[in-house]
């Protein structure tokens, strides 16, 4: 059996945007240094239990911190900051 390596994931909900308007600051950390299995050099972050959307982020481990947007509904977008580091 092989060794399972992990990566530490921090996911921050920085703001919400309604109808492409001005972002509403939120600043909530959804995950803080949570270990995820490193599968083929990537981690898979399921957003359904965190945000209620059927979407998965696949991020290389390690990676440079980056921001991404996820549609929560046709009019609301979540602006996320993703940090993935080797454990």
PDB file of N, CA and C in Angstrom:
ATOM      1  N   UNK A   1       0.835  -1.167   0.000  1.00  0.00           N
ATOM      2  CA  UNK A   1       0.000   0.000   0.000  1.00  0.00           C
ATOM      3  C   UNK A   1       0.885   1.238   0.000  1.00  0.00           C
ATOM      4  N   UNK A   2       0.536   2.240  -0.813  1.00  0.00           N
ATOM      5  CA  UNK A   2       1.331   3.446  -0.926  1.00  0.00           C
ATOM      6  C   UNK A   2       1.070   4.427   0.199  1.00  0.00           C
ATOM      7  N   UNK A   3       1.960   5.368   0.307  1.00  0.00           N
ATOM      8  CA  UNK A   3       1.832   6.410   1.319  1.00  0.00           C
ATOM      9  C   UNK A   3       0.884   7.487   0.797  1.00  0.00           C
ATOM     10  N   UNK A   4      -0.067   7.886   1.619  1.00  0.00           N
ATOM     11  CA  UNK A   4      -0.995   8.951   1.240  1.00  0.00           C
ATOM     12  C   UNK A   4      -0.441  10.262   1.770  1.00  0.00           C
ATOM     13  N   UNK A   5      -0.177  11.201   0.866  1.00  0.00           N
ATOM     14  CA  UNK A   5       0.290  12.518   1.281  1.00  0.00           C
ATOM     15  C   UNK A   5      -0.901  13.463   1.316  1.00  0.00           C
ATOM     16  N   UNK A   6      -0.772  14.509   2.109  1.00  0.00           N
ATOM     17  CA  UNK A   6      -1.858  15.466   2.233  1.00  0.00           C
ATOM     18  C   UNK A   6      -1.378  16.872   1.931  1.00  0.00           C
ATOM     19  N   UNK A   7      -2.337  17.714   1.627  1.00  0.00           N
ATOM     20  CA  UNK A   7      -2.099  19.135   1.422  1.00  0.00           C
ATOM     21  C   UNK A   7      -3.053  19.888   2.338  1.00  0.00           C
ATOM     22  N   UNK A   8      -2.635  21.045   2.795  1.00  0.00           N
ATOM     23  CA  UNK A   8      -3.461  21.859   3.675  1.00  0.00           C
ATOM     24  C   UNK A   8      -4.190  22.914   2.852  1.00  0.00           C
ATOM     25  N   UNK A   9      -5.518  22.951   2.996  1.00  0.00           N
ATOM     26  CA  UNK A   9      -6.350  23.848   2.199  1.00  0.00           C
ATOM     27  C   UNK A   9      -6.975  24.909   3.101  1.00  0.00           C
ATOM     28  N   UNK A  10      -6.853  26.169   2.673  1.00  0.00           N
ATOM     29  CA  UNK A  10      -7.558  27.281   3.303  1.00  0.00           C
ATOM     30  C   UNK A  10      -8.427  27.918   2.229  1.00  0.00           C
ATOM     31  N   UNK A  11      -9.720  28.052   2.518  1.00  0.00           N
ATOM     32  CA  UNK A  11     -10.683  28.595   1.562  1.00  0.00           C
ATOM     33  C   UNK A  11     -11.420  29.742   2.243  1.00  0.00           C
ATOM     34  N   UNK A  12     -11.332  30.932   1.655  1.00  0.00           N
ATOM     35  CA  UNK A  12     -11.932  32.121   2.246  1.00  0.00           C
ATOM     36  C   UNK A  12     -12.991  32.697   1.317  1.00  0.00           C
ATOM     37  N   UNK A  13     -14.179  32.954   1.868  1.00  0.00           N
ATOM     38  CA  UNK A  13     -15.235  33.648   1.136  1.00  0.00           C
ATOM     39  C   UNK A  13     -15.001  35.134   1.347  1.00  0.00           C
ATOM     40  N   UNK A  14     -14.397  35.757   0.352  1.00  0.00           N
ATOM     41  CA  UNK A  14     -14.027  37.161   0.478  1.00  0.00           C
ATOM     42  C   UNK A  14     -15.190  38.116   0.333  1.00  0.00           C
ATOM     43  N   UNK A  15     -16.080  37.826  -0.652  1.00  0.00           N
ATOM     44  CA  UNK A  15     -17.213  38.714  -0.883  1.00  0.00           C
ATOM     45  C   UNK A  15     -18.272  38.013  -1.716  1.00  0.00           C
ATOM     46  N   UNK A  16     -19.442  38.628  -1.757  1.00  0.00           N
ATOM     47  CA  UNK A  16     -20.539  38.186  -2.614  1.00  0.00           C
ATOM     48  C   UNK A  16     -20.858  39.316  -3.575  1.00  0.00           C
ATOM     49  N   UNK A  17     -21.177  38.975  -4.811  1.00  0.00           N
ATOM     50  CA  UNK A  17     -21.550  39.970  -5.807  1.00  0.00           C
ATOM     51  C   UNK A  17     -22.948  39.648  -6.304  1.00  0.00           C
ATOM     52  N   UNK A  18     -23.815  40.666  -6.334  1.00  0.00           N
ATOM     53  CA  UNK A  18     -25.183  40.500  -6.817  1.00  0.00           C
ATOM     54  C   UNK A  18     -25.317  41.231  -8.143  1.00  0.00           C
ATOM     55  N   UNK A  19     -25.743  40.502  -9.182  1.00  0.00           N
ATOM     56  CA  UNK A  19     -25.985  41.069 -10.516  1.00  0.00           C
ATOM     57  C   UNK A  19     -24.814  41.882 -11.056  1.00  0.00           C
ATOM     58  N   UNK A  20     -23.616  41.350 -10.972  1.00  0.00           N
ATOM     59  CA  UNK A  20     -22.414  42.031 -11.473  1.00  0.00           C
ATOM     60  C   UNK A  20     -22.246  43.431 -10.894  1.00  0.00           C
ATOM     61  N   UNK A  21     -22.711  43.637  -9.681  1.00  0.00           N
ATOM     62  CA  UNK A  21     -22.597  44.935  -9.036  1.00  0.00           C
ATOM     63  C   UNK A  21     -21.349  45.025  -8.194  1.00  0.00           C
ATOM     64  N   UNK A  22     -21.407  45.838  -7.180  1.00  0.00           N
ATOM     65  CA  UNK A  22     -20.287  46.047  -6.271  1.00  0.00           C
ATOM     66  C   UNK A  22     -20.210  44.863  -5.311  1.00  0.00           C
ATOM     67  N   UNK A  23     -19.021  44.284  -5.141  1.00  0.00           N
ATOM     68  CA  UNK A  23     -18.884  43.159  -4.197  1.00  0.00           C
ATOM     69  C   UNK A  23     -19.214  43.580  -2.765  1.00  0.00           C
ATOM     70  N   UNK A  24     -19.940  42.719  -2.064  1.00  0.00           N
ATOM     71  CA  UNK A  24     -20.276  42.941  -0.662  1.00  0.00           C
ATOM     72  C   UNK A  24     -19.257  42.156   0.173  1.00  0.00           C
ATOM     73  N   UNK A  25     -18.410  42.837   0.946  1.00  0.00           N
ATOM     74  CA  UNK A  25     -17.380  42.128   1.721  1.00  0.00           C
ATOM     75  C   UNK A  25     -17.989  41.166   2.736  1.00  0.00           C
ATOM     76  N   UNK A  26     -17.390  39.973   2.840  1.00  0.00           N
ATOM     77  CA  UNK A  26     -17.840  38.980   3.807  1.00  0.00           C
ATOM     78  C   UNK A  26     -16.671  38.601   4.719  1.00  0.00           C
ATOM     79  N   UNK A  27     -15.570  38.114   4.136  1.00  0.00           N
ATOM     80  CA  UNK A  27     -14.367  37.800   4.909  1.00  0.00           C
ATOM     81  C   UNK A  27     -14.513  36.651   5.880  1.00  0.00           C
ATOM     82  N   UNK A  28     -15.100  35.538   5.425  1.00  0.00           N
ATOM     83  CA  UNK A  28     -15.292  34.371   6.285  1.00  0.00           C
ATOM     84  C   UNK A  28     -14.418  33.230   5.787  1.00  0.00           C
ATOM     85  N   UNK A  29     -13.627  32.634   6.683  1.00  0.00           N
ATOM     86  CA  UNK A  29     -12.833  31.466   6.313  1.00  0.00           C
ATOM     87  C   UNK A  29     -13.708  30.230   6.408  1.00  0.00           C
ATOM     88  N   UNK A  30     -13.924  29.572   5.263  1.00  0.00           N
ATOM     89  CA  UNK A  30     -14.735  28.361   5.216  1.00  0.00           C
ATOM     90  C   UNK A  30     -13.927  27.144   5.637  1.00  0.00           C
ATOM     91  N   UNK A  31     -12.643  27.134   5.295  1.00  0.00           N
ATOM     92  CA  UNK A  31     -11.709  26.078   5.688  1.00  0.00           C
ATOM     93  C   UNK A  31     -10.412  26.746   6.123  1.00  0.00           C
ATOM     94  N   UNK A  32      -9.771  26.222   7.163  1.00  0.00           N
ATOM     95  CA  UNK A  32      -8.485  26.761   7.607  1.00  0.00           C
ATOM     96  C   UNK A  32      -7.517  25.610   7.834  1.00  0.00           C
ATOM     97  N   UNK A  33      -6.535  25.485   6.944  1.00  0.00           N
ATOM     98  CA  UNK A  33      -5.508  24.438   7.021  1.00  0.00           C
ATOM     99  C   UNK A  33      -6.102  23.044   7.220  1.00  0.00           C
ATOM    100  N   UNK A  34      -7.115  22.724   6.438  1.00  0.00           N
ATOM    101  CA  UNK A  34      -7.767  21.417   6.507  1.00  0.00           C
ATOM    102  C   UNK A  34      -7.007  20.449   5.609  1.00  0.00           C
ATOM    103  N   UNK A  35      -6.611  19.277   6.121  1.00  0.00           N
ATOM    104  CA  UNK A  35      -5.872  18.318   5.284  1.00  0.00           C
ATOM    105  C   UNK A  35      -6.781  17.649   4.249  1.00  0.00           C
ATOM    106  N   UNK A  36      -6.319  17.653   3.000  1.00  0.00           N
ATOM    107  CA  UNK A  36      -6.982  16.968   1.897  1.00  0.00           C
ATOM    108  C   UNK A  36      -5.981  15.994   1.290  1.00  0.00           C
ATOM    109  N   UNK A  37      -6.431  14.843   0.810  1.00  0.00           N
ATOM    110  CA  UNK A  37      -5.493  13.905   0.168  1.00  0.00           C
ATOM    111  C   UNK A  37      -4.955  14.469  -1.138  1.00  0.00           C
ATOM    112  N   UNK A  38      -3.662  14.265  -1.346  1.00  0.00           N
ATOM    113  CA  UNK A  38      -3.000  14.673  -2.585  1.00  0.00           C
ATOM    114  C   UNK A  38      -3.118  13.503  -3.557  1.00  0.00           C
ATOM    115  N   UNK A  39      -3.963  13.660  -4.573  1.00  0.00           N
ATOM    116  CA  UNK A  39      -4.207  12.596  -5.546  1.00  0.00           C
ATOM    117  C   UNK A  39      -3.618  13.023  -6.884  1.00  0.00           C
ATOM    118  N   UNK A  40      -2.507  12.403  -7.253  1.00  0.00           N
ATOM    119  CA  UNK A  40      -1.869  12.741  -8.524  1.00  0.00           C
ATOM    120  C   UNK A  40      -1.399  14.172  -8.606  1.00  0.00           C
ATOM    121  N   UNK A  41      -1.021  14.762  -7.479  1.00  0.00           N
ATOM    122  CA  UNK A  41      -0.533  16.141  -7.474  1.00  0.00           C
ATOM    123  C   UNK A  41      -1.630  17.180  -7.350  1.00  0.00           C
ATOM    124  N   UNK A  42      -2.881  16.747  -7.151  1.00  0.00           N
ATOM    125  CA  UNK A  42      -4.012  17.666  -7.028  1.00  0.00           C
ATOM    126  C   UNK A  42      -4.823  17.363  -5.775  1.00  0.00           C
ATOM    127  N   UNK A  43      -5.576  18.365  -5.329  1.00  0.00           N
ATOM    128  CA  UNK A  43      -6.594  18.156  -4.301  1.00  0.00           C
ATOM    129  C   UNK A  43      -7.940  18.517  -4.911  1.00  0.00           C
ATOM    130  N   UNK A  44      -8.983  17.810  -4.471  1.00  0.00           N
ATOM    131  CA  UNK A  44     -10.336  18.079  -4.943  1.00  0.00           C
ATOM    132  C   UNK A  44     -11.151  18.634  -3.783  1.00  0.00           C
ATOM    133  N   UNK A  45     -11.686  19.854  -3.967  1.00  0.00           N
ATOM    134  CA  UNK A  45     -12.452  20.526  -2.925  1.00  0.00           C
ATOM    135  C   UNK A  45     -13.913  20.556  -3.362  1.00  0.00           C
ATOM    136  N   UNK A  46     -14.758  19.776  -2.673  1.00  0.00           N
ATOM    137  CA  UNK A  46     -16.190  19.722  -2.974  1.00  0.00           C
ATOM    138  C   UNK A  46     -16.863  20.927  -2.319  1.00  0.00           C
ATOM    139  N   UNK A  47     -17.502  21.776  -3.132  1.00  0.00           N
ATOM    140  CA  UNK A  47     -18.110  22.990  -2.600  1.00  0.00           C
ATOM    141  C   UNK A  47     -19.551  22.807  -2.131  1.00  0.00           C
ATOM    142  N   UNK A  48     -20.137  21.624  -2.393  1.00  0.00           N
ATOM    143  CA  UNK A  48     -21.544  21.436  -2.005  1.00  0.00           C
ATOM    144  C   UNK A  48     -21.779  21.543  -0.499  1.00  0.00           C
ATOM    145  N   UNK A  49     -20.980  20.888   0.354  1.00  0.00           N
ATOM    146  CA  UNK A  49     -21.250  21.043   1.797  1.00  0.00           C
ATOM    147  C   UNK A  49     -20.894  22.432   2.337  1.00  0.00           C
ATOM    148  N   UNK A  50     -20.054  23.171   1.622  1.00  0.00           N
ATOM    149  CA  UNK A  50     -19.631  24.490   2.091  1.00  0.00           C
ATOM    150  C   UNK A  50     -20.546  25.611   1.620  1.00  0.00           C
ATOM    151  N   UNK A  51     -20.955  25.537   0.324  1.00  0.00           N
ATOM    152  CA  UNK A  51     -21.722  26.629  -0.271  1.00  0.00           C
ATOM    153  C   UNK A  51     -23.053  26.193  -0.874  1.00  0.00           C
ATOM    154  N   UNK A  52     -23.315  24.883  -0.890  1.00  0.00           N
ATOM    155  CA  UNK A  52     -24.570  24.402  -1.447  1.00  0.00           C
ATOM    156  C   UNK A  52     -24.627  24.379  -2.957  1.00  0.00           C
ATOM    157  N   UNK A  53     -23.472  24.389  -3.618  1.00  0.00           N
ATOM    158  CA  UNK A  53     -23.430  24.328  -5.081  1.00  0.00           C
ATOM    159  C   UNK A  53     -22.735  23.043  -5.512  1.00  0.00           C
ATOM    160  N   UNK A  54     -23.228  22.458  -6.588  1.00  0.00           N
ATOM    161  CA  UNK A  54     -22.673  21.200  -7.103  1.00  0.00           C
ATOM    162  C   UNK A  54     -21.462  21.510  -7.973  1.00  0.00           C
ATOM    163  N   UNK A  55     -20.360  21.843  -7.321  1.00  0.00           N
ATOM    164  CA  UNK A  55     -19.131  22.185  -8.030  1.00  0.00           C
ATOM    165  C   UNK A  55     -17.936  21.700  -7.222  1.00  0.00           C
ATOM    166  N   UNK A  56     -16.895  21.277  -7.929  1.00  0.00           N
ATOM    167  CA  UNK A  56     -15.670  20.802  -7.299  1.00  0.00           C
ATOM    168  C   UNK A  56     -14.491  21.583  -7.860  1.00  0.00           C
ATOM    169  N   UNK A  57     -13.658  22.113  -6.981  1.00  0.00           N
ATOM    170  CA  UNK A  57     -12.418  22.761  -7.406  1.00  0.00           C
ATOM    171  C   UNK A  57     -11.312  21.720  -7.396  1.00  0.00           C
ATOM    172  N   UNK A  58     -10.586  21.601  -8.501  1.00  0.00           N
ATOM    173  CA  UNK A  58      -9.421  20.717  -8.577  1.00  0.00           C
ATOM    174  C   UNK A  58      -8.197  21.624  -8.666  1.00  0.00           C
ATOM    175  N   UNK A  59      -7.351  21.554  -7.633  1.00  0.00           N
ATOM    176  CA  UNK A  59      -6.246  22.496  -7.489  1.00  0.00           C
ATOM    177  C   UNK A  59      -4.943  21.732  -7.331  1.00  0.00           C
ATOM    178  N   UNK A  60      -3.883  22.151  -8.061  1.00  0.00           N
ATOM    179  CA  UNK A  60      -2.582  21.494  -7.867  1.00  0.00           C
ATOM    180  C   UNK A  60      -2.048  21.751  -6.460  1.00  0.00           C
ATOM    181  N   UNK A  61      -1.256  20.801  -5.979  1.00  0.00           N
ATOM    182  CA  UNK A  61      -0.654  20.930  -4.652  1.00  0.00           C
ATOM    183  C   UNK A  61       0.857  20.785  -4.774  1.00  0.00           C
ATOM    184  N   UNK A  62       1.627  21.757  -4.348  1.00  0.00           N
ATOM    185  CA  UNK A  62       1.193  23.060  -3.850  1.00  0.00           C
ATOM    186  C   UNK A  62       0.813  23.970  -5.013  1.00  0.00           C
ATOM    187  N   UNK A  63       0.167  25.096  -4.689  1.00  0.00           N
ATOM    188  CA  UNK A  63      -0.188  26.063  -5.726  1.00  0.00           C
ATOM    189  C   UNK A  63      -0.008  27.468  -5.180  1.00  0.00           C
ATOM    190  N   UNK A  64       0.003  28.407  -6.098  1.00  0.00           N
ATOM    191  CA  UNK A  64       0.051  29.817  -5.730  1.00  0.00           C
ATOM    192  C   UNK A  64      -1.356  30.212  -5.291  1.00  0.00           C
ATOM    193  N   UNK A  65      -1.473  31.033  -4.257  1.00  0.00           N
ATOM    194  CA  UNK A  65      -2.789  31.503  -3.821  1.00  0.00           C
ATOM    195  C   UNK A  65      -3.490  32.173  -4.999  1.00  0.00           C
ATOM    196  N   UNK A  66      -4.791  31.901  -5.150  1.00  0.00           N
ATOM    197  CA  UNK A  66      -5.526  32.517  -6.250  1.00  0.00           C
ATOM    198  C   UNK A  66      -6.965  32.776  -5.848  1.00  0.00           C
ATOM    199  N   UNK A  67      -7.620  33.628  -6.641  1.00  0.00           N
ATOM    200  CA  UNK A  67      -9.028  33.927  -6.419  1.00  0.00           C
ATOM    201  C   UNK A  67      -9.842  33.316  -7.541  1.00  0.00           C
ATOM    202  N   UNK A  68     -11.062  32.896  -7.206  1.00  0.00           N
ATOM    203  CA  UNK A  68     -11.970  32.331  -8.197  1.00  0.00           C
ATOM    204  C   UNK A  68     -13.381  32.756  -7.846  1.00  0.00           C
ATOM    205  N   UNK A  69     -14.262  32.667  -8.830  1.00  0.00           N
ATOM    206  CA  UNK A  69     -15.663  33.002  -8.617  1.00  0.00           C
ATOM    207  C   UNK A  69     -16.520  31.776  -8.846  1.00  0.00           C
ATOM    208  N   UNK A  70     -17.548  31.616  -8.015  1.00  0.00           N
ATOM    209  CA  UNK A  70     -18.465  30.487  -8.111  1.00  0.00           C
ATOM    210  C   UNK A  70     -19.884  31.039  -8.080  1.00  0.00           C
ATOM    211  N   UNK A  71     -20.694  30.651  -9.071  1.00  0.00           N
ATOM    212  CA  UNK A  71     -22.089  31.097  -9.115  1.00  0.00           C
ATOM    213  C   UNK A  71     -22.905  30.334  -8.080  1.00  0.00           C
ATOM    214  N   UNK A  72     -23.497  31.059  -7.143  1.00  0.00           N
ATOM    215  CA  UNK A  72     -24.362  30.444  -6.143  1.00  0.00           C
ATOM    216  C   UNK A  72     -25.802  30.379  -6.637  1.00  0.00           C
ATOM    217  N   UNK A  73     -26.156  31.309  -7.510  1.00  0.00           N
ATOM    218  CA  UNK A  73     -27.472  31.363  -8.136  1.00  0.00           C
ATOM    219  C   UNK A  73     -27.292  32.168  -9.421  1.00  0.00           C
ATOM    220  N   UNK A  74     -28.344  32.322 -10.212  1.00  0.00           N
ATOM    221  CA  UNK A  74     -28.185  33.132 -11.439  1.00  0.00           C
ATOM    222  C   UNK A  74     -27.794  34.586 -11.175  1.00  0.00           C
ATOM    223  N   UNK A  75     -28.022  35.082  -9.952  1.00  0.00           N
ATOM    224  CA  UNK A  75     -27.714  36.491  -9.690  1.00  0.00           C
ATOM    225  C   UNK A  75     -26.644  36.717  -8.619  1.00  0.00           C
ATOM    226  N   UNK A  76     -26.239  35.679  -7.907  1.00  0.00           N
ATOM    227  CA  UNK A  76     -25.260  35.842  -6.819  1.00  0.00           C
ATOM    228  C   UNK A  76     -23.997  35.037  -7.111  1.00  0.00           C
ATOM    229  N   UNK A  77     -22.848  35.709  -7.005  1.00  0.00           N
ATOM    230  CA  UNK A  77     -21.547  35.077  -7.223  1.00  0.00           C
ATOM    231  C   UNK A  77     -20.711  35.189  -5.949  1.00  0.00           C
ATOM    232  N   UNK A  78     -20.080  34.078  -5.568  1.00  0.00           N
ATOM    233  CA  UNK A  78     -19.169  34.073  -4.422  1.00  0.00           C
ATOM    234  C   UNK A  78     -17.746  34.256  -4.928  1.00  0.00           C
ATOM    235  N   UNK A  79     -17.011  35.158  -4.305  1.00  0.00           N
ATOM    236  CA  UNK A  79     -15.615  35.401  -4.641  1.00  0.00           C
ATOM    237  C   UNK A  79     -14.751  34.724  -3.576  1.00  0.00           C
ATOM    238  N   UNK A  80     -14.003  33.693  -4.001  1.00  0.00           N
ATOM    239  CA  UNK A  80     -13.239  32.859  -3.079  1.00  0.00           C
ATOM    240  C   UNK A  80     -11.740  33.052  -3.263  1.00  0.00           C
ATOM    241  N   UNK A  81     -10.995  32.950  -2.167  1.00  0.00           N
ATOM    242  CA  UNK A  81      -9.539  32.881  -2.211  1.00  0.00           C
ATOM    243  C   UNK A  81      -9.147  31.471  -1.791  1.00  0.00           C
ATOM    244  N   UNK A  82      -8.308  30.828  -2.605  1.00  0.00           N
ATOM    245  CA  UNK A  82      -7.908  29.441  -2.373  1.00  0.00           C
ATOM    246  C   UNK A  82      -6.410  29.398  -2.100  1.00  0.00           C
ATOM    247  N   UNK A  83      -6.026  28.719  -1.007  1.00  0.00           N
ATOM    248  CA  UNK A  83      -4.624  28.510  -0.659  1.00  0.00           C
ATOM    249  C   UNK A  83      -4.410  27.019  -0.447  1.00  0.00           C
ATOM    250  N   UNK A  84      -3.428  26.450  -1.161  1.00  0.00           N
ATOM    251  CA  UNK A  84      -3.113  25.027  -1.014  1.00  0.00           C
ATOM    252  C   UNK A  84      -1.608  24.895  -0.806  1.00  0.00           C
ATOM    253  N   UNK A  85      -1.220  24.260   0.301  1.00  0.00           N
ATOM    254  CA  UNK A  85       0.196  24.076   0.630  1.00  0.00           C
ATOM    255  C   UNK A  85       0.440  22.621   0.992  1.00  0.00           C
ATOM    256  N   UNK A  86       1.676  22.169   0.782  1.00  0.00           N
ATOM    257  CA  UNK A  86       2.033  20.811   1.188  1.00  0.00           C
ATOM    258  C   UNK A  86       2.016  20.722   2.708  1.00  0.00           C
ATOM    259  N   UNK A  87       1.549  19.598   3.210  1.00  0.00           N
ATOM    260  CA  UNK A  87       1.483  19.408   4.668  1.00  0.00           C
ATOM    261  C   UNK A  87       2.842  19.024   5.206  1.00  0.00           C
TER     262      UNK A  87
END
